[in-house]
Protein backbone atom coordinates (compact mmCIF):
# COMPACT_ATOMS: atom_id res chain seq x y z
CA UNK A 1 57.65 103.56 110.71
CA UNK A 2 59.20 106.33 108.66
CA UNK A 3 58.67 110.00 109.42
CA UNK A 4 57.85 112.02 106.31
CA UNK A 5 58.03 115.77 105.92
CA UNK A 6 55.32 117.52 103.91
CA UNK A 7 54.41 121.01 102.69
CA UNK A 8 50.74 121.91 102.35
CA UNK A 9 49.92 122.95 98.78
CA UNK A 10 47.20 125.33 100.03
CA UNK A 11 48.64 127.20 103.05
CA UNK A 12 52.37 126.31 102.63
CA UNK A 13 52.71 124.97 106.19
CA UNK A 14 55.55 122.47 106.69
CA UNK A 15 54.78 119.47 108.91
CA UNK A 16 55.92 115.93 109.69
CA UNK A 17 53.91 112.73 109.99
CA UNK A 18 54.72 109.18 111.05
CA UNK A 19 53.33 106.98 108.28
CA UNK A 20 51.97 103.63 109.43
CA UNK A 21 50.76 102.39 106.02
CA UNK A 22 50.87 103.38 102.36
CA UNK A 23 47.13 104.14 102.29
CA UNK A 24 47.17 106.49 105.30
CA UNK A 25 45.55 109.86 104.59
CA UNK A 26 47.67 112.87 105.53
CA UNK A 27 46.10 116.25 106.25
CA UNK A 28 47.56 119.64 107.09
CA UNK A 29 47.47 120.51 110.80
CA UNK A 30 46.71 124.16 110.01
CA UNK A 31 44.05 124.07 107.28
CA UNK A 32 43.12 120.34 107.09
CA UNK A 33 43.88 120.21 103.36
CA UNK A 34 44.79 116.81 101.96
CA UNK A 35 46.86 118.40 99.18
CA UNK A 36 50.56 118.27 100.01
CA UNK A 37 54.02 117.78 98.54
CA UNK A 38 56.54 115.38 100.05
CA UNK A 39 59.71 117.27 101.02
CA UNK A 40 63.31 116.10 101.21
CA UNK A 41 64.22 115.72 104.86
CA UNK A 42 67.58 116.61 106.32
CA UNK A 43 68.72 114.41 109.15
CA UNK A 44 71.80 114.30 111.34
CA UNK A 45 73.80 111.39 112.63
CA UNK A 46 73.94 110.96 116.36
CA UNK A 47 76.89 110.16 118.54
CA UNK A 48 78.34 106.68 118.53
CA UNK A 49 78.40 104.47 121.62
CA UNK A 50 81.85 105.74 122.61
CA UNK A 51 80.70 109.39 122.55
CA UNK A 52 82.45 110.44 119.34
CA UNK A 53 80.22 112.14 116.80
CA UNK A 54 79.72 110.56 113.42
CA UNK A 55 81.19 112.18 110.35
CA UNK A 56 78.71 113.91 108.05
CA UNK A 57 78.94 115.55 104.65
CA UNK A 58 78.89 118.94 106.38
CA UNK A 59 81.97 117.95 108.43
CA UNK A 60 83.91 117.28 105.23
CA UNK A 61 83.04 120.55 103.55
CA UNK A 62 79.75 119.43 102.05
CA UNK A 63 81.06 116.61 99.85
CA UNK A 64 80.14 112.99 100.50
CA UNK A 65 82.79 111.41 98.28
CA UNK A 66 86.53 110.82 98.45
CA UNK A 67 88.42 114.12 98.05
CA UNK A 68 89.24 114.96 94.44
CA UNK A 69 87.47 111.85 93.09
CA UNK A 70 84.39 113.49 91.57
CA UNK A 71 85.42 117.07 90.95
CA UNK A 72 83.08 118.59 93.54
CA UNK A 73 85.95 119.79 95.76
């Protein structure tokens, strides 16, 4: 069951919904509009079983590739 993040096209409220099926109707919690835009969600990695935190793109300076391999560093 994925959690999707939406922005209401009418009142610009951001909200999340757990989507159980592709045909599920989604409405804004503020204005009840059914017009919305799916947003890109940012997520974080949790800690591993041994307590060490996982490495993220932010930890490496914002790049997700090998240093100097794509020119983004």
